[in-house]
């Protein structure tokens, strides 16, 4: 089963997908339109580039601080949380979903994926 299908089985996950690091392709499942998925993939790619740059800079300042290389990021809004790991994104309903369960699933499913932004 794909990581996106695994994420979609979790309670509270409203949408999940994958995007290319080049930014020209994406796929998704869940409760969002194609245009919303396109914008989500662009936002996730851009934010991932920034997070990776910042973690690499911090890793240069403190080599053993555990921040580099970055594995992903999450942001929590009033209704939804977005989690990104590798090139996989996931939207969680804050009232019905579990951030811990989602991140645990993503870590398990994506442990062998490279973090290189190609």
PDB file of N, CA and C in Angstrom:
ATOM      1  N   UNK A   1       0.842  -1.172   0.000  1.00  0.00           N
ATOM      2  CA  UNK A   1       0.000   0.000   0.000  1.00  0.00           C
ATOM      3  C   UNK A   1       0.895   1.246   0.000  1.00  0.00           C
ATOM      4  N   UNK A   2       0.499   2.274  -0.711  1.00  0.00           N
ATOM      5  CA  UNK A   2       1.301   3.489  -0.807  1.00  0.00           C
ATOM      6  C   UNK A   2       1.213   4.291   0.492  1.00  0.00           C
ATOM      7  N   UNK A   3       2.180   5.159   0.705  1.00  0.00           N
ATOM      8  CA  UNK A   3       2.187   5.991   1.900  1.00  0.00           C
ATOM      9  C   UNK A   3       0.964   6.902   1.925  1.00  0.00           C
ATOM     10  N   UNK A   4       0.527   7.387   0.776  1.00  0.00           N
ATOM     11  CA  UNK A   4      -0.653   8.244   0.717  1.00  0.00           C
ATOM     12  C   UNK A   4      -1.892   7.449   1.141  1.00  0.00           C
ATOM     13  N   UNK A   5      -2.031   6.235   0.666  1.00  0.00           N
ATOM     14  CA  UNK A   5      -3.167   5.389   1.057  1.00  0.00           C
ATOM     15  C   UNK A   5      -3.128   5.088   2.553  1.00  0.00           C
ATOM     16  N   UNK A   6      -1.932   4.838   3.089  1.00  0.00           N
ATOM     17  CA  UNK A   6      -1.793   4.591   4.536  1.00  0.00           C
ATOM     18  C   UNK A   6      -2.227   5.815   5.333  1.00  0.00           C
ATOM     19  N   UNK A   7      -1.813   6.992   4.900  1.00  0.00           N
ATOM     20  CA  UNK A   7      -2.193   8.213   5.598  1.00  0.00           C
ATOM     21  C   UNK A   7      -3.696   8.450   5.527  1.00  0.00           C
ATOM     22  N   UNK A   8      -4.294   8.170   4.381  1.00  0.00           N
ATOM     23  CA  UNK A   8      -5.728   8.384   4.219  1.00  0.00           C
ATOM     24  C   UNK A   8      -6.551   7.463   5.120  1.00  0.00           C
ATOM     25  N   UNK A   9      -5.981   6.386   5.590  1.00  0.00           N
ATOM     26  CA  UNK A   9      -6.689   5.474   6.494  1.00  0.00           C
ATOM     27  C   UNK A   9      -6.728   5.985   7.932  1.00  0.00           C
ATOM     28  N   UNK A  10      -5.891   6.967   8.258  1.00  0.00           N
ATOM     29  CA  UNK A  10      -5.829   7.479   9.624  1.00  0.00           C
ATOM     30  C   UNK A  10      -7.015   8.392   9.920  1.00  0.00           C
ATOM     31  N   UNK A  11      -7.559   8.335  11.141  1.00  0.00           N
ATOM     32  CA  UNK A  11      -8.653   9.237  11.513  1.00  0.00           C
ATOM     33  C   UNK A  11      -8.225  10.699  11.417  1.00  0.00           C
ATOM     34  N   UNK A  12      -9.072  11.517  10.850  1.00  0.00           N
ATOM     35  CA  UNK A  12      -8.819  12.950  10.768  1.00  0.00           C
ATOM     36  C   UNK A  12      -8.013  13.409   9.583  1.00  0.00           C
ATOM     37  N   UNK A  13      -7.415  12.495   8.827  1.00  0.00           N
ATOM     38  CA  UNK A  13      -6.665  12.907   7.640  1.00  0.00           C
ATOM     39  C   UNK A  13      -7.673  13.227   6.539  1.00  0.00           C
ATOM     40  N   UNK A  14      -7.654  14.473   6.075  1.00  0.00           N
ATOM     41  CA  UNK A  14      -8.621  14.894   5.056  1.00  0.00           C
ATOM     42  C   UNK A  14      -8.046  14.846   3.650  1.00  0.00           C
ATOM     43  N   UNK A  15      -6.717  14.899   3.539  1.00  0.00           N
ATOM     44  CA  UNK A  15      -6.085  14.808   2.224  1.00  0.00           C
ATOM     45  C   UNK A  15      -4.603  14.482   2.417  1.00  0.00           C
ATOM     46  N   UNK A  16      -4.045  13.797   1.442  1.00  0.00           N
ATOM     47  CA  UNK A  16      -2.620  13.468   1.453  1.00  0.00           C
ATOM     48  C   UNK A  16      -2.159  13.336   0.011  1.00  0.00           C
ATOM     49  N   UNK A  17      -0.881  13.587  -0.205  1.00  0.00           N
ATOM     50  CA  UNK A  17      -0.376  13.473  -1.562  1.00  0.00           C
ATOM     51  C   UNK A  17       1.131  13.531  -1.613  1.00  0.00           C
ATOM     52  N   UNK A  18       1.641  13.493  -2.822  1.00  0.00           N
ATOM     53  CA  UNK A  18       3.069  13.587  -3.085  1.00  0.00           C
ATOM     54  C   UNK A  18       3.292  14.657  -4.139  1.00  0.00           C
ATOM     55  N   UNK A  19       4.449  15.311  -4.057  1.00  0.00           N
ATOM     56  CA  UNK A  19       4.808  16.316  -5.058  1.00  0.00           C
ATOM     57  C   UNK A  19       6.237  16.069  -5.507  1.00  0.00           C
ATOM     58  N   UNK A  20       6.540  16.521  -6.708  1.00  0.00           N
ATOM     59  CA  UNK A  20       7.908  16.379  -7.202  1.00  0.00           C
ATOM     60  C   UNK A  20       8.733  17.541  -6.677  1.00  0.00           C
ATOM     61  N   UNK A  21      10.006  17.293  -6.462  1.00  0.00           N
ATOM     62  CA  UNK A  21      10.880  18.359  -5.977  1.00  0.00           C
ATOM     63  C   UNK A  21      11.078  19.437  -7.028  1.00  0.00           C
ATOM     64  N   UNK A  22      10.861  19.104  -8.290  1.00  0.00           N
ATOM     65  CA  UNK A  22      10.960  20.120  -9.341  1.00  0.00           C
ATOM     66  C   UNK A  22       9.743  21.021  -9.330  1.00  0.00           C
ATOM     67  N   UNK A  23       8.653  20.553  -8.746  1.00  0.00           N
ATOM     68  CA  UNK A  23       7.453  21.373  -8.638  1.00  0.00           C
ATOM     69  C   UNK A  23       6.497  21.249  -9.809  1.00  0.00           C
ATOM     70  N   UNK A  24       6.748  20.323 -10.714  1.00  0.00           N
ATOM     71  CA  UNK A  24       5.899  20.249 -11.905  1.00  0.00           C
ATOM     72  C   UNK A  24       4.887  19.097 -11.875  1.00  0.00           C
ATOM     73  N   UNK A  25       4.940  18.241 -10.836  1.00  0.00           N
ATOM     74  CA  UNK A  25       3.993  17.118 -10.770  1.00  0.00           C
ATOM     75  C   UNK A  25       3.545  16.921  -9.332  1.00  0.00           C
ATOM     76  N   UNK A  26       2.337  16.397  -9.185  1.00  0.00           N
ATOM     77  CA  UNK A  26       1.805  16.064  -7.879  1.00  0.00           C
ATOM     78  C   UNK A  26       0.688  15.046  -8.052  1.00  0.00           C
ATOM     79  N   UNK A  27       0.399  14.331  -6.978  1.00  0.00           N
ATOM     80  CA  UNK A  27      -0.750  13.424  -6.941  1.00  0.00           C
ATOM     81  C   UNK A  27      -1.322  13.520  -5.537  1.00  0.00           C
ATOM     82  N   UNK A  28      -2.601  13.212  -5.385  1.00  0.00           N
ATOM     83  CA  UNK A  28      -3.233  13.348  -4.079  1.00  0.00           C
ATOM     84  C   UNK A  28      -4.491  12.493  -3.999  1.00  0.00           C
ATOM     85  N   UNK A  29      -4.937  12.306  -2.765  1.00  0.00           N
ATOM     86  CA  UNK A  29      -6.225  11.690  -2.471  1.00  0.00           C
ATOM     87  C   UNK A  29      -6.881  12.539  -1.394  1.00  0.00           C
ATOM     88  N   UNK A  30      -8.194  12.560  -1.370  1.00  0.00           N
ATOM     89  CA  UNK A  30      -8.879  13.232  -0.272  1.00  0.00           C
ATOM     90  C   UNK A  30      -9.744  14.386  -0.696  1.00  0.00           C
ATOM     91  N   UNK A  31     -10.097  15.180   0.305  1.00  0.00           N
ATOM     92  CA  UNK A  31     -11.093  16.232   0.170  1.00  0.00           C
ATOM     93  C   UNK A  31     -10.464  17.567  -0.219  1.00  0.00           C
ATOM     94  N   UNK A  32      -9.968  17.636  -1.423  1.00  0.00           N
ATOM     95  CA  UNK A  32      -9.487  18.904  -1.962  1.00  0.00           C
ATOM     96  C   UNK A  32      -9.625  18.852  -3.480  1.00  0.00           C
ATOM     97  N   UNK A  33      -9.768  20.023  -4.053  1.00  0.00           N
ATOM     98  CA  UNK A  33      -9.879  20.098  -5.503  1.00  0.00           C
ATOM     99  C   UNK A  33      -8.491  19.957  -6.117  1.00  0.00           C
ATOM    100  N   UNK A  34      -8.466  19.753  -7.424  1.00  0.00           N
ATOM    101  CA  UNK A  34      -7.198  19.653  -8.120  1.00  0.00           C
ATOM    102  C   UNK A  34      -6.399  20.946  -7.985  1.00  0.00           C
ATOM    103  N   UNK A  35      -7.072  22.078  -8.041  1.00  0.00           N
ATOM    104  CA  UNK A  35      -6.384  23.368  -7.900  1.00  0.00           C
ATOM    105  C   UNK A  35      -5.828  23.532  -6.487  1.00  0.00           C
ATOM    106  N   UNK A  36      -6.577  23.117  -5.482  1.00  0.00           N
ATOM    107  CA  UNK A  36      -6.080  23.182  -4.105  1.00  0.00           C
ATOM    108  C   UNK A  36      -4.860  22.275  -3.932  1.00  0.00           C
ATOM    109  N   UNK A  37      -4.889  21.092  -4.539  1.00  0.00           N
ATOM    110  CA  UNK A  37      -3.754  20.169  -4.449  1.00  0.00           C
ATOM    111  C   UNK A  37      -2.534  20.756  -5.161  1.00  0.00           C
ATOM    112  N   UNK A  38      -2.756  21.427  -6.278  1.00  0.00           N
ATOM    113  CA  UNK A  38      -1.655  22.080  -6.989  1.00  0.00           C
ATOM    114  C   UNK A  38      -1.024  23.158  -6.125  1.00  0.00           C
ATOM    115  N   UNK A  39      -1.867  23.998  -5.503  1.00  0.00           N
ATOM    116  CA  UNK A  39      -1.348  25.055  -4.637  1.00  0.00           C
ATOM    117  C   UNK A  39      -0.669  24.473  -3.398  1.00  0.00           C
ATOM    118  N   UNK A  40      -1.230  23.398  -2.852  1.00  0.00           N
ATOM    119  CA  UNK A  40      -0.625  22.747  -1.685  1.00  0.00           C
ATOM    120  C   UNK A  40       0.757  22.205  -2.032  1.00  0.00           C
ATOM    121  N   UNK A  41       0.886  21.606  -3.202  1.00  0.00           N
ATOM    122  CA  UNK A  41       2.185  21.051  -3.589  1.00  0.00           C
ATOM    123  C   UNK A  41       3.224  22.162  -3.775  1.00  0.00           C
ATOM    124  N   UNK A  42       2.816  23.289  -4.318  1.00  0.00           N
ATOM    125  CA  UNK A  42       3.724  24.430  -4.478  1.00  0.00           C
ATOM    126  C   UNK A  42       4.129  24.968  -3.114  1.00  0.00           C
ATOM    127  N   UNK A  43       3.159  25.128  -2.210  1.00  0.00           N
ATOM    128  CA  UNK A  43       3.438  25.627  -0.868  1.00  0.00           C
ATOM    129  C   UNK A  43       4.354  24.672  -0.107  1.00  0.00           C
ATOM    130  N   UNK A  44       4.086  23.377  -0.197  1.00  0.00           N
ATOM    131  CA  UNK A  44       4.901  22.387   0.518  1.00  0.00           C
ATOM    132  C   UNK A  44       6.336  22.366  -0.013  1.00  0.00           C
ATOM    133  N   UNK A  45       6.481  22.444  -1.310  1.00  0.00           N
ATOM    134  CA  UNK A  45       7.826  22.450  -1.910  1.00  0.00           C
ATOM    135  C   UNK A  45       8.593  23.687  -1.475  1.00  0.00           C
ATOM    136  N   UNK A  46       7.964  24.859  -1.569  1.00  0.00           N
ATOM    137  CA  UNK A  46       8.642  26.106  -1.209  1.00  0.00           C
ATOM    138  C   UNK A  46       9.019  26.118   0.273  1.00  0.00           C
ATOM    139  N   UNK A  47       8.116  25.693   1.123  1.00  0.00           N
ATOM    140  CA  UNK A  47       8.398  25.673   2.556  1.00  0.00           C
ATOM    141  C   UNK A  47       9.485  24.655   2.878  1.00  0.00           C
ATOM    142  N   UNK A  48       9.452  23.507   2.230  1.00  0.00           N
ATOM    143  CA  UNK A  48      10.485  22.492   2.456  1.00  0.00           C
ATOM    144  C   UNK A  48      11.870  23.009   2.076  1.00  0.00           C
ATOM    145  N   UNK A  49      11.954  23.747   0.984  1.00  0.00           N
ATOM    146  CA  UNK A  49      13.238  24.330   0.593  1.00  0.00           C
ATOM    147  C   UNK A  49      13.758  25.279   1.668  1.00  0.00           C
ATOM    148  N   UNK A  50      12.867  26.113   2.204  1.00  0.00           N
ATOM    149  CA  UNK A  50      13.265  27.044   3.259  1.00  0.00           C
ATOM    150  C   UNK A  50      13.666  26.338   4.541  1.00  0.00           C
ATOM    151  N   UNK A  51      12.890  25.349   4.952  1.00  0.00           N
ATOM    152  CA  UNK A  51      13.190  24.596   6.174  1.00  0.00           C
ATOM    153  C   UNK A  51      14.534  23.879   6.038  1.00  0.00           C
ATOM    154  N   UNK A  52      14.770  23.255   4.892  1.00  0.00           N
ATOM    155  CA  UNK A  52      16.043  22.564   4.681  1.00  0.00           C
ATOM    156  C   UNK A  52      17.215  23.539   4.725  1.00  0.00           C
ATOM    157  N   UNK A  53      17.072  24.700   4.127  1.00  0.00           N
ATOM    158  CA  UNK A  53      18.138  25.697   4.150  1.00  0.00           C
ATOM    159  C   UNK A  53      18.421  26.137   5.584  1.00  0.00           C
ATOM    160  N   UNK A  54      17.374  26.430   6.356  1.00  0.00           N
ATOM    161  CA  UNK A  54      17.555  26.889   7.725  1.00  0.00           C
ATOM    162  C   UNK A  54      18.185  25.800   8.595  1.00  0.00           C
ATOM    163  N   UNK A  55      17.744  24.566   8.446  1.00  0.00           N
ATOM    164  CA  UNK A  55      18.329  23.470   9.225  1.00  0.00           C
ATOM    165  C   UNK A  55      19.790  23.241   8.854  1.00  0.00           C
ATOM    166  N   UNK A  56      20.115  23.357   7.581  1.00  0.00           N
ATOM    167  CA  UNK A  56      21.513  23.219   7.165  1.00  0.00           C
ATOM    168  C   UNK A  56      22.378  24.337   7.754  1.00  0.00           C
ATOM    169  N   UNK A  57      21.838  25.548   7.805  1.00  0.00           N
ATOM    170  CA  UNK A  57      22.577  26.656   8.405  1.00  0.00           C
ATOM    171  C   UNK A  57      22.791  26.411   9.898  1.00  0.00           C
ATOM    172  N   UNK A  58      21.742  25.987  10.607  1.00  0.00           N
ATOM    173  CA  UNK A  58      21.878  25.692  12.031  1.00  0.00           C
ATOM    174  C   UNK A  58      22.824  24.524  12.257  1.00  0.00           C
ATOM    175  N   UNK A  59      22.766  23.522  11.374  1.00  0.00           N
ATOM    176  CA  UNK A  59      23.672  22.382  11.482  1.00  0.00           C
ATOM    177  C   UNK A  59      25.125  22.765  11.307  1.00  0.00           C
ATOM    178  N   UNK A  60      25.384  23.804  10.532  1.00  0.00           N
ATOM    179  CA  UNK A  60      26.747  24.304  10.367  1.00  0.00           C
ATOM    180  C   UNK A  60      27.245  24.951  11.660  1.00  0.00           C
ATOM    181  N   UNK A  61      26.335  25.615  12.370  1.00  0.00           N
ATOM    182  CA  UNK A  61      26.712  26.284  13.622  1.00  0.00           C
ATOM    183  C   UNK A  61      26.891  25.302  14.777  1.00  0.00           C
ATOM    184  N   UNK A  62      26.087  24.249  14.791  1.00  0.00           N
ATOM    185  CA  UNK A  62      26.205  23.241  15.858  1.00  0.00           C
ATOM    186  C   UNK A  62      26.013  21.869  15.218  1.00  0.00           C
ATOM    187  N   UNK A  63      27.117  21.259  14.868  1.00  0.00           N
ATOM    188  CA  UNK A  63      27.095  20.021  14.085  1.00  0.00           C
ATOM    189  C   UNK A  63      26.316  18.884  14.737  1.00  0.00           C
ATOM    190  N   UNK A  64      26.325  18.773  16.051  1.00  0.00           N
ATOM    191  CA  UNK A  64      25.676  17.664  16.731  1.00  0.00           C
ATOM    192  C   UNK A  64      24.361  18.047  17.404  1.00  0.00           C
ATOM    193  N   UNK A  65      23.714  19.113  16.931  1.00  0.00           N
ATOM    194  CA  UNK A  65      22.485  19.563  17.594  1.00  0.00           C
ATOM    195  C   UNK A  65      21.246  18.773  17.164  1.00  0.00           C
ATOM    196  N   UNK A  66      21.365  17.947  16.131  1.00  0.00           N
ATOM    197  CA  UNK A  66      20.247  17.100  15.723  1.00  0.00           C
ATOM    198  C   UNK A  66      19.237  17.751  14.801  1.00  0.00           C
ATOM    199  N   UNK A  67      19.541  18.906  14.251  1.00  0.00           N
ATOM    200  CA  UNK A  67      18.603  19.589  13.363  1.00  0.00           C
ATOM    201  C   UNK A  67      18.858  19.325  11.879  1.00  0.00           C
ATOM    202  N   UNK A  68      20.028  18.870  11.558  1.00  0.00           N
ATOM    203  CA  UNK A  68      20.360  18.662  10.152  1.00  0.00           C
ATOM    204  C   UNK A  68      20.772  17.209   9.950  1.00  0.00           C
ATOM    205  N   UNK A  69      20.345  16.612   8.905  1.00  0.00           N
ATOM    206  CA  UNK A  69      19.466  17.160   7.871  1.00  0.00           C
ATOM    207  C   UNK A  69      18.010  17.149   8.319  1.00  0.00           C
ATOM    208  N   UNK A  70      17.246  18.064   7.793  1.00  0.00           N
ATOM    209  CA  UNK A  70      15.819  18.160   8.122  1.00  0.00           C
ATOM    210  C   UNK A  70      15.083  16.922   7.604  1.00  0.00           C
ATOM    211  N   UNK A  71      14.120  16.440   8.364  1.00  0.00           N
ATOM    212  CA  UNK A  71      13.298  15.296   7.940  1.00  0.00           C
ATOM    213  C   UNK A  71      11.924  15.740   7.473  1.00  0.00           C
ATOM    214  N   UNK A  72      11.503  16.922   7.878  1.00  0.00           N
ATOM    215  CA  UNK A  72      10.179  17.395   7.496  1.00  0.00           C
ATOM    216  C   UNK A  72       9.778  18.585   8.342  1.00  0.00           C
ATOM    217  N   UNK A  73       8.507  18.947   8.249  1.00  0.00           N
ATOM    218  CA  UNK A  73       7.996  20.071   9.007  1.00  0.00           C
ATOM    219  C   UNK A  73       6.486  19.928   9.177  1.00  0.00           C
ATOM    220  N   UNK A  74       5.933  20.689  10.118  1.00  0.00           N
ATOM    221  CA  UNK A  74       4.483  20.711  10.348  1.00  0.00           C
ATOM    222  C   UNK A  74       4.093  22.116  10.777  1.00  0.00           C
ATOM    223  N   UNK A  75       2.896  22.515  10.401  1.00  0.00           N
ATOM    224  CA  UNK A  75       2.351  23.801  10.840  1.00  0.00           C
ATOM    225  C   UNK A  75       0.889  23.572  11.221  1.00  0.00           C
ATOM    226  N   UNK A  76       0.497  24.131  12.361  1.00  0.00           N
ATOM    227  CA  UNK A  76      -0.852  23.924  12.884  1.00  0.00           C
ATOM    228  C   UNK A  76      -1.621  25.229  12.825  1.00  0.00           C
ATOM    229  N   UNK A  77      -2.765  25.186  12.162  1.00  0.00           N
ATOM    230  CA  UNK A  77      -3.662  26.323  12.108  1.00  0.00           C
ATOM    231  C   UNK A  77      -4.846  26.083  13.024  1.00  0.00           C
ATOM    232  N   UNK A  78      -5.832  26.971  13.007  1.00  0.00           N
ATOM    233  CA  UNK A  78      -6.981  26.813  13.895  1.00  0.00           C
ATOM    234  C   UNK A  78      -7.825  25.567  13.609  1.00  0.00           C
ATOM    235  N   UNK A  79      -7.910  25.149  12.342  1.00  0.00           N
ATOM    236  CA  UNK A  79      -8.732  23.982  11.993  1.00  0.00           C
ATOM    237  C   UNK A  79      -7.930  22.803  11.476  1.00  0.00           C
ATOM    238  N   UNK A  80      -6.821  23.073  10.797  1.00  0.00           N
ATOM    239  CA  UNK A  80      -6.072  22.016  10.135  1.00  0.00           C
ATOM    240  C   UNK A  80      -4.584  22.112  10.454  1.00  0.00           C
ATOM    241  N   UNK A  81      -3.914  20.975  10.341  1.00  0.00           N
ATOM    242  CA  UNK A  81      -2.470  20.893  10.456  1.00  0.00           C
ATOM    243  C   UNK A  81      -1.932  20.317   9.160  1.00  0.00           C
ATOM    244  N   UNK A  82      -0.842  20.867   8.681  1.00  0.00           N
ATOM    245  CA  UNK A  82      -0.161  20.347   7.497  1.00  0.00           C
ATOM    246  C   UNK A  82       1.137  19.708   7.960  1.00  0.00           C
ATOM    247  N   UNK A  83       1.375  18.472   7.547  1.00  0.00           N
ATOM    248  CA  UNK A  83       2.620  17.762   7.840  1.00  0.00           C
ATOM    249  C   UNK A  83       3.283  17.411   6.517  1.00  0.00           C
ATOM    250  N   UNK A  84       4.588  17.600   6.460  1.00  0.00           N
ATOM    251  CA  UNK A  84       5.348  17.261   5.257  1.00  0.00           C
ATOM    252  C   UNK A  84       6.600  16.507   5.670  1.00  0.00           C
ATOM    253  N   UNK A  85       6.838  15.396   5.019  1.00  0.00           N
ATOM    254  CA  UNK A  85       8.064  14.642   5.227  1.00  0.00           C
ATOM    255  C   UNK A  85       8.492  14.116   3.863  1.00  0.00           C
ATOM    256  N   UNK A  86       9.769  14.272   3.571  1.00  0.00           N
ATOM    257  CA  UNK A  86      10.277  13.936   2.254  1.00  0.00           C
ATOM    258  C   UNK A  86       9.473  14.754   1.252  1.00  0.00           C
ATOM    259  N   UNK A  87       8.811  14.131   0.302  1.00  0.00           N
ATOM    260  CA  UNK A  87       7.970  14.878  -0.645  1.00  0.00           C
ATOM    261  C   UNK A  87       6.500  14.474  -0.512  1.00  0.00           C
ATOM    262  N   UNK A  88       6.096  14.116   0.705  1.00  0.00           N
ATOM    263  CA  UNK A  88       4.719  13.700   0.992  1.00  0.00           C
ATOM    264  C   UNK A  88       4.070  14.740   1.895  1.00  0.00           C
ATOM    265  N   UNK A  89       2.835  15.152   1.541  1.00  0.00           N
ATOM    266  CA  UNK A  89       2.108  16.093   2.386  1.00  0.00           C
ATOM    267  C   UNK A  89       0.822  15.465   2.898  1.00  0.00           C
ATOM    268  N   UNK A  90       0.363  15.986   4.033  1.00  0.00           N
ATOM    269  CA  UNK A  90      -0.815  15.445   4.681  1.00  0.00           C
ATOM    270  C   UNK A  90      -1.545  16.577   5.397  1.00  0.00           C
ATOM    271  N   UNK A  91      -2.844  16.678   5.220  1.00  0.00           N
ATOM    272  CA  UNK A  91      -3.680  17.658   5.908  1.00  0.00           C
ATOM    273  C   UNK A  91      -4.532  16.928   6.932  1.00  0.00           C
ATOM    274  N   UNK A  92      -4.503  17.395   8.188  1.00  0.00           N
ATOM    275  CA  UNK A  92      -5.201  16.742   9.288  1.00  0.00           C
ATOM    276  C   UNK A  92      -6.222  17.698   9.878  1.00  0.00           C
ATOM    277  N   UNK A  93      -7.423  17.199  10.128  1.00  0.00           N
ATOM    278  CA  UNK A  93      -8.438  17.950  10.872  1.00  0.00           C
ATOM    279  C   UNK A  93      -8.018  17.920  12.340  1.00  0.00           C
ATOM    280  N   UNK A  94      -7.834  19.086  12.954  1.00  0.00           N
ATOM    281  CA  UNK A  94      -7.325  19.157  14.323  1.00  0.00           C
ATOM    282  C   UNK A  94      -8.260  18.538  15.352  1.00  0.00           C
ATOM    283  N   UNK A  95      -9.563  18.533  15.086  1.00  0.00           N
ATOM    284  CA  UNK A  95     -10.514  18.002  16.067  1.00  0.00           C
ATOM    285  C   UNK A  95     -10.602  16.489  16.041  1.00  0.00           C
ATOM    286  N   UNK A  96     -10.372  15.884  14.887  1.00  0.00           N
ATOM    287  CA  UNK A  96     -10.573  14.431  14.789  1.00  0.00           C
ATOM    288  C   UNK A  96      -9.302  13.647  14.515  1.00  0.00           C
ATOM    289  N   UNK A  97      -8.221  14.335  14.200  1.00  0.00           N
ATOM    290  CA  UNK A  97      -6.970  13.652  13.849  1.00  0.00           C
ATOM    291  C   UNK A  97      -5.940  13.725  14.959  1.00  0.00           C
ATOM    292  N   UNK A  98      -4.911  12.918  14.821  1.00  0.00           N
ATOM    293  CA  UNK A  98      -3.818  12.882  15.788  1.00  0.00           C
ATOM    294  C   UNK A  98      -2.508  13.193  15.072  1.00  0.00           C
ATOM    295  N   UNK A  99      -1.879  14.294  15.464  1.00  0.00           N
ATOM    296  CA  UNK A  99      -0.598  14.663  14.882  1.00  0.00           C
ATOM    297  C   UNK A  99       0.449  13.591  15.191  1.00  0.00           C
ATOM    298  N   UNK A 100       0.444  13.066  16.411  1.00  0.00           N
ATOM    299  CA  UNK A 100       1.408  12.027  16.783  1.00  0.00           C
ATOM    300  C   UNK A 100       1.263  10.787  15.917  1.00  0.00           C
ATOM    301  N   UNK A 101       0.041  10.312  15.727  1.00  0.00           N
ATOM    302  CA  UNK A 101      -0.173   9.117  14.900  1.00  0.00           C
ATOM    303  C   UNK A 101       0.240   9.363  13.457  1.00  0.00           C
ATOM    304  N   UNK A 102      -0.073  10.545  12.953  1.00  0.00           N
ATOM    305  CA  UNK A 102       0.272  10.877  11.573  1.00  0.00           C
ATOM    306  C   UNK A 102       1.782  10.942  11.377  1.00  0.00           C
ATOM    307  N   UNK A 103       2.471  11.638  12.267  1.00  0.00           N
ATOM    308  CA  UNK A 103       3.926  11.733  12.150  1.00  0.00           C
ATOM    309  C   UNK A 103       4.588  10.374  12.320  1.00  0.00           C
ATOM    310  N   UNK A 104       4.082   9.563  13.231  1.00  0.00           N
ATOM    311  CA  UNK A 104       4.628   8.220  13.424  1.00  0.00           C
ATOM    312  C   UNK A 104       4.482   7.394  12.138  1.00  0.00           C
ATOM    313  N   UNK A 105       3.320   7.465  11.520  1.00  0.00           N
ATOM    314  CA  UNK A 105       3.083   6.745  10.260  1.00  0.00           C
ATOM    315  C   UNK A 105       4.024   7.250   9.172  1.00  0.00           C
ATOM    316  N   UNK A 106       4.168   8.565   9.067  1.00  0.00           N
ATOM    317  CA  UNK A 106       5.050   9.129   8.041  1.00  0.00           C
ATOM    318  C   UNK A 106       6.499   8.701   8.283  1.00  0.00           C
ATOM    319  N   UNK A 107       6.944   8.745   9.530  1.00  0.00           N
ATOM    320  CA  UNK A 107       8.314   8.317   9.831  1.00  0.00           C
ATOM    321  C   UNK A 107       8.530   6.857   9.464  1.00  0.00           C
ATOM    322  N   UNK A 108       7.566   6.005   9.802  1.00  0.00           N
ATOM    323  CA  UNK A 108       7.683   4.577   9.477  1.00  0.00           C
ATOM    324  C   UNK A 108       7.688   4.336   7.977  1.00  0.00           C
ATOM    325  N   UNK A 109       6.768   4.966   7.275  1.00  0.00           N
ATOM    326  CA  UNK A 109       6.603   4.723   5.844  1.00  0.00           C
ATOM    327  C   UNK A 109       7.717   5.348   4.998  1.00  0.00           C
ATOM    328  N   UNK A 110       8.314   6.434   5.492  1.00  0.00           N
ATOM    329  CA  UNK A 110       9.281   7.185   4.685  1.00  0.00           C
ATOM    330  C   UNK A 110      10.710   7.072   5.197  1.00  0.00           C
ATOM    331  N   UNK A 111      10.972   6.137   6.092  1.00  0.00           N
ATOM    332  CA  UNK A 111      12.304   6.039   6.713  1.00  0.00           C
ATOM    333  C   UNK A 111      13.419   5.792   5.709  1.00  0.00           C
ATOM    334  N   UNK A 112      13.110   5.141   4.596  1.00  0.00           N
ATOM    335  CA  UNK A 112      14.142   4.818   3.618  1.00  0.00           C
ATOM    336  C   UNK A 112      14.231   5.817   2.464  1.00  0.00           C
ATOM    337  N   UNK A 113      13.370   6.817   2.460  1.00  0.00           N
ATOM    338  CA  UNK A 113      13.416   7.808   1.386  1.00  0.00           C
ATOM    339  C   UNK A 113      14.528   8.806   1.630  1.00  0.00           C
ATOM    340  N   UNK A 114      15.130   9.231   0.562  1.00  0.00           N
ATOM    341  CA  UNK A 114      16.191  10.229   0.648  1.00  0.00           C
ATOM    342  C   UNK A 114      15.574  11.601   0.952  1.00  0.00           C
ATOM    343  N   UNK A 115      16.343  12.442   1.588  1.00  0.00           N
ATOM    344  CA  UNK A 115      15.907  13.800   1.879  1.00  0.00           C
ATOM    345  C   UNK A 115      16.496  14.812   0.906  1.00  0.00           C
ATOM    346  N   UNK A 116      17.184  14.312  -0.100  1.00  0.00           N
ATOM    347  CA  UNK A 116      17.799  15.214  -1.076  1.00  0.00           C
ATOM    348  C   UNK A 116      16.717  15.898  -1.895  1.00  0.00           C
ATOM    349  N   UNK A 117      16.805  17.197  -1.991  1.00  0.00           N
ATOM    350  CA  UNK A 117      15.853  17.970  -2.789  1.00  0.00           C
ATOM    351  C   UNK A 117      16.387  18.058  -4.202  1.00  0.00           C
ATOM    352  N   UNK A 118      15.970  17.144  -5.045  1.00  0.00           N
ATOM    353  CA  UNK A 118      16.476  17.061  -6.415  1.00  0.00           C
ATOM    354  C   UNK A 118      15.547  17.816  -7.335  1.00  0.00           C
TER     355      UNK A 118
END
